[in-house]
Amino acid sequence: MLTLHFLAPEERRRTAIEIRRRLKPGASFVAAHLSFPQGEGERALWLSRYAAFAIASGTDPGQAHNARTAVEARLKLLSPEQDEAVLRDAGFLDVGLFYSAFTWQGWVAYA
């Protein structure tokens, strides 16, 4: 939970493969993390929304903008479709979105 978005895409894939390898057949796996459209112009739009939501929720504007800048500079985020593909490519079955809240998405999948 809330960790895969810290990994580069190739490391995320390797991690998903290793998690799948260690699970018993049929075991469930839940992943939830930052995931939103990454197309041209979309990433900047969603990151602006991310900061605006934090500010509207009472976060200091300077802190919200610093968080946005840090996410933009440090995280190699994937789109929800790419995140689902990572799980399928790792061998998980019945990958399904079960949680969606703004920039956060959550999936359940089965080994």
Protein backbone atom coordinates (compact mmCIF):
# COMPACT_ATOMS: atom_id res chain seq x y z
CA MET A 1 0.00 0.00 0.00
CA LEU A 2 1.24 3.45 -0.99
CA THR A 3 4.71 2.25 -2.01
CA LEU A 4 4.83 1.17 -5.66
CA HIS A 5 4.70 4.75 -6.94
CA PHE A 6 8.14 5.29 -5.39
CA LEU A 7 9.67 2.69 -7.72
CA ALA A 8 10.85 3.31 -11.26
CA PRO A 9 8.69 1.45 -13.81
CA GLU A 10 11.21 -1.34 -14.43
CA GLU A 11 11.70 -1.88 -10.68
CA ARG A 12 7.94 -1.78 -10.15
CA ARG A 13 7.55 -4.58 -12.71
CA ARG A 14 10.30 -6.65 -11.10
CA THR A 15 8.76 -6.13 -7.66
CA ALA A 16 5.29 -7.17 -8.88
CA ILE A 17 6.78 -10.33 -10.45
CA GLU A 18 8.55 -11.21 -7.20
CA ILE A 19 5.42 -10.58 -5.11
CA ARG A 20 3.38 -12.79 -7.45
CA ARG A 21 6.03 -15.50 -7.31
CA ARG A 22 5.79 -15.64 -3.51
CA LEU A 23 2.00 -15.84 -3.28
CA LYS A 24 -0.01 -19.05 -3.21
CA PRO A 25 -2.20 -19.60 -6.27
CA GLY A 26 -5.46 -17.69 -5.85
CA ALA A 27 -4.11 -15.42 -3.12
CA SER A 28 -5.23 -11.82 -3.36
CA PHE A 29 -2.90 -8.86 -3.70
CA VAL A 30 -3.91 -5.24 -3.11
CA ALA A 31 -1.95 -2.27 -4.44
CA ALA A 32 -2.92 1.36 -3.95
CA HIS A 33 -0.83 4.39 -4.88
CA LEU A 34 -0.61 7.58 -6.92
CA SER A 35 -1.76 6.89 -10.45
CA PHE A 36 -3.32 9.31 -12.88
CA PRO A 37 -3.15 10.14 -16.62
CA GLN A 38 0.38 10.78 -17.84
CA GLY A 39 -0.29 12.00 -21.38
CA GLU A 40 0.97 15.29 -22.79
CA GLY A 41 -0.34 18.07 -20.58
CA GLU A 42 -2.22 15.65 -18.32
CA ARG A 43 0.54 15.13 -15.76
CA ALA A 44 0.89 18.87 -15.12
CA LEU A 45 -2.89 19.27 -14.90
CA TRP A 46 -3.26 16.45 -12.38
CA LEU A 47 -0.33 17.66 -10.30
CA SER A 48 -1.90 21.13 -10.18
CA ARG A 49 -5.14 19.55 -9.01
CA TYR A 50 -3.17 17.57 -6.41
CA ALA A 51 -1.76 20.80 -4.96
CA ALA A 52 -5.08 22.68 -5.20
CA PHE A 53 -6.91 19.91 -3.35
CA ALA A 54 -4.31 19.95 -0.56
CA ILE A 55 -4.63 23.74 -0.23
CA ALA A 56 -8.44 23.56 -0.22
CA SER A 57 -8.16 20.94 2.54
CA GLY A 58 -6.16 23.30 4.75
CA THR A 59 -2.55 22.52 3.82
CA ASP A 60 -0.22 25.49 3.81
CA PRO A 61 0.06 26.63 0.17
CA GLY A 62 3.86 26.63 0.30
CA GLN A 63 3.91 23.04 1.57
CA ALA A 64 1.39 21.95 -1.06
CA HIS A 65 3.44 23.47 -3.86
CA ASN A 66 6.63 21.93 -2.46
CA ALA A 67 4.93 18.53 -2.38
CA ARG A 68 3.77 18.97 -5.97
CA THR A 69 7.29 19.91 -7.06
CA ALA A 70 8.77 16.91 -5.23
CA VAL A 71 6.27 14.48 -6.77
CA GLU A 72 6.88 15.92 -10.21
CA ALA A 73 10.66 15.74 -9.91
CA ARG A 74 11.11 12.44 -8.07
CA LEU A 75 8.33 10.04 -8.95
CA LYS A 76 8.03 8.10 -12.18
CA LEU A 77 4.26 7.73 -12.09
CA LEU A 78 2.26 5.57 -14.44
CA SER A 79 -1.25 5.94 -15.77
CA PRO A 80 -3.92 3.67 -14.29
CA GLU A 81 -3.85 1.60 -17.48
CA GLN A 82 -0.08 1.18 -17.23
CA ASP A 83 -0.35 0.22 -13.56
CA GLU A 84 -2.91 -2.46 -14.40
CA ALA A 85 -0.62 -3.75 -17.17
CA VAL A 86 2.25 -4.08 -14.67
CA LEU A 87 0.10 -6.39 -12.53
CA ARG A 88 -1.10 -8.43 -15.51
CA ASP A 89 2.45 -8.71 -16.92
CA ALA A 90 3.59 -9.97 -13.51
CA GLY A 91 1.15 -12.86 -13.84
CA PHE A 92 -1.74 -11.60 -11.72
CA LEU A 93 -5.27 -12.53 -12.79
CA ASP A 94 -8.59 -10.71 -12.55
CA VAL A 95 -6.94 -7.34 -12.00
CA GLY A 96 -9.63 -4.88 -11.03
CA LEU A 97 -9.88 -1.34 -9.81
CA PHE A 98 -11.57 -1.23 -6.40
CA TYR A 99 -10.65 2.26 -5.20
CA SER A 100 -10.38 5.60 -6.93
CA ALA A 101 -10.07 8.88 -5.11
CA PHE A 102 -8.68 11.74 -7.13
CA THR A 103 -4.98 10.92 -7.80
CA TRP A 104 -5.09 7.68 -5.78
CA GLN A 105 -6.06 4.35 -7.32
CA GLY A 106 -6.29 0.89 -5.82
CA TRP A 107 -6.40 -2.53 -7.44
CA VAL A 108 -7.02 -6.05 -6.30
CA ALA A 109 -5.52 -8.93 -8.26
CA TYR A 110 -5.09 -12.64 -7.75
CA ALA A 111 -2.05 -14.90 -7.98
